[in-house]
Amino acid sequence: MEPGERSSLLAAIRKNTSRKIDFNHRFSLSYVDCGTGCGSFWFVDRRTGGVIEAPTSARDDEDTWDVRARQDSDTITVIYGPRDPVGAKCSSQHFRWSVRKFVPIDRRSATKCPG
């Protein structure tokens, strides 16, 4: 990613950051739209200003459809689904925040698609 692209992504993350604390008593969630049916989820550390991307799928044909977090928890649920939503089957996985990164705490399992 070029410096100009990083700069505009960071500006979009900051612009779309929730005004409330959404996760682990210190992070706010941000969703950045990247076009029709695509986007990325980010966490903004309210203490340091740091930005961390929510865990993404390793599969090229999948997107992150939703991220669910609670203010008083150090775990999140990430829901993944196919890029083509027709007949979509989704899966979810839980992650724990560990110092500077998200660590998976279980295997993916089938789940109802959001929306």
Protein backbone atom coordinates (compact mmCIF):
# COMPACT_ATOMS: atom_id res chain seq x y z
CA MET A 1 0.00 0.00 0.00
CA GLU A 2 1.34 3.40 -0.99
CA PRO A 3 1.78 6.16 1.64
CA GLY A 4 -1.11 8.18 0.16
CA GLU A 5 -3.39 5.14 0.32
CA ARG A 6 -2.38 4.49 3.94
CA SER A 7 -3.07 8.10 4.79
CA SER A 8 -6.57 8.05 3.25
CA LEU A 9 -7.37 4.70 4.87
CA LEU A 10 -6.34 6.05 8.27
CA ALA A 11 -8.48 9.16 7.70
CA ALA A 12 -11.48 6.95 6.80
CA ILE A 13 -10.91 4.76 9.87
CA ARG A 14 -10.82 7.79 12.15
CA LYS A 15 -13.88 9.37 10.47
CA ASN A 16 -15.95 6.19 10.93
CA THR A 17 -14.84 5.34 14.46
CA SER A 18 -17.64 4.79 16.94
CA ARG A 19 -17.88 7.53 19.56
CA LYS A 20 -18.25 4.95 22.33
CA ILE A 21 -15.94 2.30 23.72
CA ASP A 22 -16.96 -0.97 22.04
CA PHE A 23 -14.36 -3.47 23.20
CA ASN A 24 -12.05 -4.33 26.10
CA HIS A 25 -12.64 -1.06 27.99
CA ARG A 26 -10.45 0.87 25.55
CA PHE A 27 -11.19 0.20 21.86
CA SER A 28 -13.75 1.71 19.51
CA LEU A 29 -14.86 -0.10 16.37
CA SER A 30 -14.67 1.41 12.89
CA TYR A 31 -16.06 0.13 9.60
CA VAL A 32 -14.58 1.43 6.35
CA ASP A 33 -16.56 0.89 3.17
CA CYS A 34 -14.52 -0.03 0.11
CA GLY A 35 -17.29 -0.31 -2.45
CA THR A 36 -20.39 -2.33 -3.14
CA GLY A 37 -20.63 -5.08 -0.58
CA CYS A 38 -17.11 -4.79 0.75
CA GLY A 39 -15.46 -3.13 3.69
CA SER A 40 -13.07 -3.64 6.55
CA PHE A 41 -13.40 -3.57 10.33
CA TRP A 42 -10.87 -1.81 12.53
CA PHE A 43 -10.31 -1.21 16.24
CA VAL A 44 -9.00 2.15 17.41
CA ASP A 45 -7.16 2.16 20.73
CA ARG A 46 -8.55 5.14 22.66
CA ARG A 47 -5.47 5.27 24.91
CA THR A 48 -2.74 5.27 22.27
CA GLY A 49 -4.52 6.13 19.01
CA GLY A 50 -3.25 2.90 17.47
CA VAL A 51 -5.29 1.13 14.82
CA ILE A 52 -5.68 -2.66 14.53
CA GLU A 53 -7.51 -4.51 11.76
CA ALA A 54 -10.03 -7.11 12.86
CA PRO A 55 -9.05 -10.66 11.87
CA THR A 56 -9.73 -11.29 8.19
CA SER A 57 -10.31 -14.53 6.33
CA ALA A 58 -7.38 -16.30 4.70
CA ARG A 59 -9.75 -17.36 1.91
CA ASP A 60 -9.80 -15.18 -1.22
CA ASP A 61 -13.51 -15.82 -1.84
CA GLU A 62 -14.58 -14.64 1.63
CA ASP A 63 -15.13 -11.31 3.38
CA THR A 64 -15.65 -10.28 6.97
CA TRP A 65 -19.38 -9.67 7.24
CA ASP A 66 -19.56 -8.57 10.87
CA VAL A 67 -17.54 -8.10 14.04
CA ARG A 68 -19.25 -8.36 17.40
CA ALA A 69 -17.60 -7.01 20.49
CA ARG A 70 -18.53 -5.97 24.01
CA GLN A 71 -17.11 -3.13 26.04
CA ASP A 72 -16.41 -5.36 29.04
CA SER A 73 -14.85 -8.31 27.21
CA ASP A 74 -11.47 -9.19 25.71
CA THR A 75 -13.02 -11.50 23.09
CA ILE A 76 -14.68 -10.75 19.77
CA THR A 77 -16.74 -12.77 17.33
CA VAL A 78 -15.96 -12.40 13.64
CA ILE A 79 -18.48 -13.56 11.06
CA TYR A 80 -17.19 -14.49 7.62
CA GLY A 81 -19.22 -15.00 4.49
CA PRO A 82 -18.72 -15.45 0.76
CA ARG A 83 -18.16 -12.47 -1.53
CA ASP A 84 -21.22 -13.56 -3.50
CA PRO A 85 -24.12 -13.37 -1.02
CA VAL A 86 -26.52 -15.52 -3.11
CA GLY A 87 -27.15 -18.67 -1.09
CA ALA A 88 -24.58 -17.51 1.45
CA LYS A 89 -23.34 -19.78 4.19
CA CYS A 90 -21.48 -17.99 6.96
CA SER A 91 -19.11 -19.06 9.69
CA SER A 92 -17.91 -17.44 12.88
CA GLN A 93 -14.78 -17.58 14.98
CA HIS A 94 -13.89 -16.14 18.36
CA PHE A 95 -10.67 -14.27 19.06
CA ARG A 96 -9.08 -12.96 22.25
CA TRP A 97 -7.04 -9.75 22.42
CA SER A 98 -3.57 -10.67 23.62
CA VAL A 99 -1.18 -7.75 24.18
CA ARG A 100 -0.92 -6.54 20.56
CA LYS A 101 -2.91 -8.97 18.42
CA PHE A 102 -6.01 -11.11 18.13
CA VAL A 103 -5.50 -14.80 18.85
CA PRO A 104 -8.06 -17.43 17.75
CA ILE A 105 -9.57 -19.29 20.69
CA ASP A 106 -11.67 -21.81 18.77
CA ARG A 107 -12.25 -23.21 15.32
CA ARG A 108 -14.69 -21.76 12.87
CA SER A 109 -18.26 -22.95 13.10
CA ALA A 110 -21.34 -22.48 10.93
CA THR A 111 -23.52 -19.55 11.93
CA LYS A 112 -26.49 -17.58 10.65
CA CYS A 113 -25.45 -14.82 8.24
CA PRO A 114 -26.07 -11.28 9.53
CA GLY A 115 -28.70 -9.07 8.02
